[in-house]
Amino acid sequence: KLELTTSSPAGKNGLIGLDPATGNPIYMFNDGAVERLDMPALLAIGVTLRPIERLLVAGGFTSYFDKGAVWGSEDNNRSQLLESNSWDAGLGAEFSLTDKFLVSAGWSMSSSGATSEYQSDLSYSLSTQGVGFGLAWDILPILQLNLGGQIVSYADGERDFQHDFASSGTLIPITEKLQKTIWIAAIGVNIKLASQKD
């Protein structure tokens, strides 16, 4: 269970309109507002195999119990707008080209279970497919350089809602398209401060 409190300075809380009845401002981010955003329970399993000395293969599966979490408030719980719990799976392999160079590759996918009613312009969830590649170079016995790259492609999604045109009460049906692709590049260094003798 997590409760988050919004801290929003005056003038930066996202004015989105005026209440027609009172004329009071309506804000997107109300200072001091408390909202639940639970971290769901999860179940994860994985396996690592070394079929030959130079090859390491690993796979894993994670299931998230999203529908049991509270996202929003008890009477307006966004997790109840999910069609199903989400999950993800991945498979990766690492191969030793030489004693100093390793190459790796991986694949992953996820399923979000989100419905059109769940999606919003600030928070949406889409299923994914991803591939990644890596290279490791043992520069010294205590120093390893790592390079990596990944592309994640998200499934197209939609959000259907009614737009109140100029706060006039005239509702216009809107279908918002949700699309995203992510490219990631990474560089890292591993330093061994101590090593285990054979």
Protein backbone atom coordinates (compact mmCIF):
# COMPACT_ATOMS: atom_id res chain seq x y z
CA LYS A 1 0.00 0.00 0.00
CA LEU A 2 1.42 3.37 -1.06
CA GLU A 3 -0.10 6.80 -0.48
CA LEU A 4 1.33 9.74 -2.41
CA THR A 5 0.83 13.40 -1.49
CA THR A 6 0.91 16.05 -4.21
CA SER A 7 3.13 19.06 -3.56
CA SER A 8 2.22 21.75 -6.08
CA PRO A 9 3.31 25.41 -5.66
CA ALA A 10 0.75 28.11 -6.44
CA GLY A 11 0.64 28.90 -10.12
CA LYS A 12 2.11 25.51 -11.08
CA ASN A 13 -0.78 23.21 -10.26
CA GLY A 14 -2.23 22.95 -13.77
CA LEU A 15 -5.31 25.18 -14.12
CA ILE A 16 -7.75 23.30 -16.38
CA GLY A 17 -10.87 25.42 -16.06
CA LEU A 18 -13.42 27.07 -13.82
CA ASP A 19 -16.33 25.53 -11.97
CA PRO A 20 -19.41 26.87 -13.85
CA ALA A 21 -21.50 26.96 -10.67
CA THR A 22 -19.03 28.71 -8.35
CA GLY A 23 -16.41 30.22 -10.64
CA ASN A 24 -13.69 28.57 -8.53
CA PRO A 25 -10.60 27.34 -10.39
CA ILE A 26 -10.26 23.62 -11.15
CA TYR A 27 -6.72 22.29 -10.97
CA MET A 28 -5.16 19.14 -12.41
CA PHE A 29 -2.71 18.82 -9.49
CA ASN A 30 -4.26 19.91 -6.19
CA ASP A 31 -1.68 20.77 -3.52
CA GLY A 32 -1.92 18.39 -0.57
CA ALA A 33 -4.10 15.85 -2.41
CA VAL A 34 -3.48 12.28 -1.22
CA GLU A 35 -3.87 9.38 -3.64
CA ARG A 36 -3.26 5.64 -3.43
CA LEU A 37 -0.83 4.13 -5.93
CA ASP A 38 -0.11 0.65 -4.59
CA MET A 39 2.76 -1.52 -5.74
CA PRO A 40 1.11 -4.78 -6.83
CA ALA A 41 2.28 -8.19 -5.66
CA LEU A 42 4.17 -10.17 -8.27
CA LEU A 43 5.27 -13.73 -8.94
CA ALA A 44 8.51 -14.24 -10.86
CA ILE A 45 10.27 -17.37 -12.05
CA GLY A 46 13.50 -17.75 -13.96
CA VAL A 47 16.04 -20.25 -15.15
CA THR A 48 19.70 -20.04 -16.19
CA LEU A 49 21.48 -22.75 -18.19
CA ARG A 50 25.01 -23.21 -19.51
CA PRO A 51 24.72 -25.83 -22.30
CA ILE A 52 28.39 -25.35 -23.22
CA GLU A 53 31.22 -23.57 -21.40
CA ARG A 54 31.10 -20.43 -23.57
CA LEU A 55 27.28 -20.05 -23.69
CA LEU A 56 24.94 -18.84 -20.95
CA VAL A 57 21.17 -18.83 -21.58
CA ALA A 58 18.55 -17.34 -19.24
CA GLY A 59 14.78 -16.91 -19.30
CA GLY A 60 12.17 -15.49 -17.00
CA PHE A 61 8.45 -14.82 -16.54
CA THR A 62 6.77 -12.33 -14.19
CA SER A 63 3.06 -12.00 -13.40
CA TYR A 64 1.81 -8.81 -11.71
CA PHE A 65 -1.34 -8.91 -9.58
CA ASP A 66 -2.45 -5.44 -10.72
CA LYS A 67 -6.18 -5.96 -10.19
CA GLY A 68 -5.60 -6.43 -6.45
CA ALA A 69 -3.93 -3.03 -6.10
CA VAL A 70 -5.62 0.35 -5.53
CA TRP A 71 -4.67 3.04 -8.06
CA GLY A 72 -6.58 6.22 -7.31
CA SER A 73 -9.18 5.94 -4.56
CA GLU A 74 -11.33 3.13 -3.20
CA ASP A 75 -14.38 4.46 -5.08
CA ASN A 76 -12.41 5.39 -8.24
CA ASN A 77 -9.89 2.56 -8.54
CA ARG A 78 -8.23 2.57 -11.99
CA SER A 79 -6.97 -1.01 -11.55
CA GLN A 80 -10.59 -2.17 -11.84
CA LEU A 81 -10.54 -0.82 -15.41
CA LEU A 82 -7.98 -3.48 -16.37
CA GLU A 83 -9.15 -6.42 -18.46
CA SER A 84 -6.56 -8.71 -16.83
CA ASN A 85 -3.38 -8.69 -14.79
CA SER A 86 -0.19 -7.79 -16.66
CA TRP A 87 2.79 -10.06 -17.29
CA ASP A 88 6.14 -10.04 -18.99
CA ALA A 89 8.58 -12.64 -20.29
CA GLY A 90 12.16 -12.53 -21.49
CA LEU A 91 14.89 -14.69 -22.97
CA GLY A 92 18.58 -13.83 -23.20
CA ALA A 93 21.91 -15.38 -24.15
CA GLU A 94 25.54 -14.48 -23.58
CA PHE A 95 28.43 -15.98 -25.57
CA SER A 96 32.17 -15.74 -24.86
CA LEU A 97 33.93 -14.92 -28.12
CA THR A 98 37.31 -14.99 -26.37
CA ASP A 99 38.54 -14.80 -22.80
CA LYS A 100 38.19 -11.01 -22.99
CA PHE A 101 35.06 -10.43 -25.15
CA LEU A 102 31.42 -11.38 -24.50
CA VAL A 103 28.42 -10.72 -26.75
CA SER A 104 24.80 -10.93 -25.67
CA ALA A 105 21.31 -10.66 -27.09
CA GLY A 106 17.84 -10.73 -25.60
CA TRP A 107 14.14 -10.62 -26.37
CA SER A 108 11.25 -9.53 -24.16
CA MET A 109 7.51 -9.05 -24.38
CA SER A 110 4.81 -7.81 -22.05
CA SER A 111 1.02 -7.76 -21.92
CA SER A 112 -0.64 -4.91 -20.02
CA GLY A 113 -4.32 -5.94 -19.90
CA ALA A 114 -5.40 -2.27 -20.02
CA THR A 115 -8.76 -1.30 -21.51
CA SER A 116 -9.59 1.92 -23.37
CA GLU A 117 -11.30 3.21 -20.20
CA TYR A 118 -8.08 2.70 -18.20
CA GLN A 119 -5.91 4.83 -20.51
CA SER A 120 -5.37 8.55 -19.93
CA ASP A 121 -3.15 11.16 -21.55
CA LEU A 122 -0.96 11.21 -18.41
CA SER A 123 -0.90 7.48 -17.61
CA TYR A 124 -1.37 4.68 -20.09
CA SER A 125 -0.19 1.09 -20.45
CA LEU A 126 0.58 -0.72 -23.72
CA SER A 127 1.86 -4.21 -24.50
CA THR A 128 5.44 -4.40 -25.79
CA GLN A 129 7.99 -6.36 -27.79
CA GLY A 130 11.69 -5.65 -27.33
CA VAL A 131 15.12 -6.81 -28.50
CA GLY A 132 18.51 -5.94 -27.09
CA PHE A 133 22.20 -6.49 -27.79
CA GLY A 134 25.34 -6.11 -25.71
CA LEU A 135 29.12 -6.33 -25.74
CA ALA A 136 31.48 -6.74 -22.78
CA TRP A 137 35.27 -6.26 -22.89
CA ASP A 138 37.53 -7.30 -20.03
CA ILE A 139 40.11 -4.51 -20.31
CA LEU A 140 41.92 -5.62 -17.15
CA PRO A 141 41.31 -8.51 -14.72
CA ILE A 142 39.51 -6.01 -12.44
CA LEU A 143 37.92 -3.79 -15.13
CA GLN A 144 35.15 -4.59 -17.63
CA LEU A 145 33.55 -2.23 -20.16
CA ASN A 146 29.91 -2.86 -21.16
CA LEU A 147 28.03 -1.50 -24.18
CA GLY A 148 24.34 -2.16 -24.83
CA GLY A 149 21.41 -1.20 -26.98
CA GLN A 150 17.69 -1.97 -27.01
CA ILE A 151 14.60 -1.12 -29.00
CA VAL A 152 11.14 -1.51 -27.48
CA SER A 153 8.09 -1.36 -29.73
CA TYR A 154 4.73 -0.71 -28.07
CA ALA A 155 1.43 -2.02 -29.43
CA ASP A 156 -0.92 0.71 -30.66
CA GLY A 157 -3.66 1.66 -28.23
CA GLU A 158 -6.75 3.86 -28.15
CA ARG A 159 -8.50 6.05 -25.65
CA ASP A 160 -12.16 6.97 -26.23
CA PHE A 161 -13.69 9.87 -24.32
CA GLN A 162 -16.17 12.78 -24.56
CA HIS A 163 -14.68 16.29 -24.83
CA ASP A 164 -16.72 19.14 -23.35
CA PHE A 165 -16.23 21.79 -26.05
CA ALA A 166 -15.25 25.13 -24.44
CA SER A 167 -17.03 24.01 -21.22
CA SER A 168 -20.33 24.56 -23.06
CA GLY A 169 -21.88 21.19 -22.26
CA THR A 170 -21.56 20.17 -25.92
CA LEU A 171 -19.83 16.77 -25.89
CA ILE A 172 -17.69 15.72 -28.82
CA PRO A 173 -16.59 12.05 -29.09
CA ILE A 174 -12.80 11.77 -29.30
CA THR A 175 -10.58 8.77 -30.10
CA GLU A 176 -6.99 9.37 -29.04
CA LYS A 177 -4.28 7.17 -30.57
CA LEU A 178 -1.52 5.94 -28.24
CA GLN A 179 1.76 5.00 -29.94
CA LYS A 180 5.34 4.75 -28.72
CA THR A 181 8.73 3.29 -29.63
CA ILE A 182 11.81 3.55 -27.41
CA TRP A 183 15.50 3.31 -28.34
CA ILE A 184 17.99 2.82 -25.50
CA ALA A 185 21.80 2.97 -25.57
CA ALA A 186 23.91 2.27 -22.51
CA ILE A 187 27.53 2.19 -21.41
CA GLY A 188 28.80 0.86 -18.11
CA VAL A 189 31.91 -0.19 -16.23
CA ASN A 190 32.28 -3.12 -13.83
CA ILE A 191 35.10 -2.92 -11.28
CA LYS A 192 36.06 -5.96 -9.19
CA LEU A 193 37.42 -4.93 -5.81
CA ALA A 194 38.07 -8.56 -4.85
CA SER A 195 38.01 -11.86 -6.68
CA GLN A 196 37.47 -15.46 -5.64
CA LYS A 197 40.43 -17.71 -6.29
CA ASP A 198 39.92 -20.95 -8.27
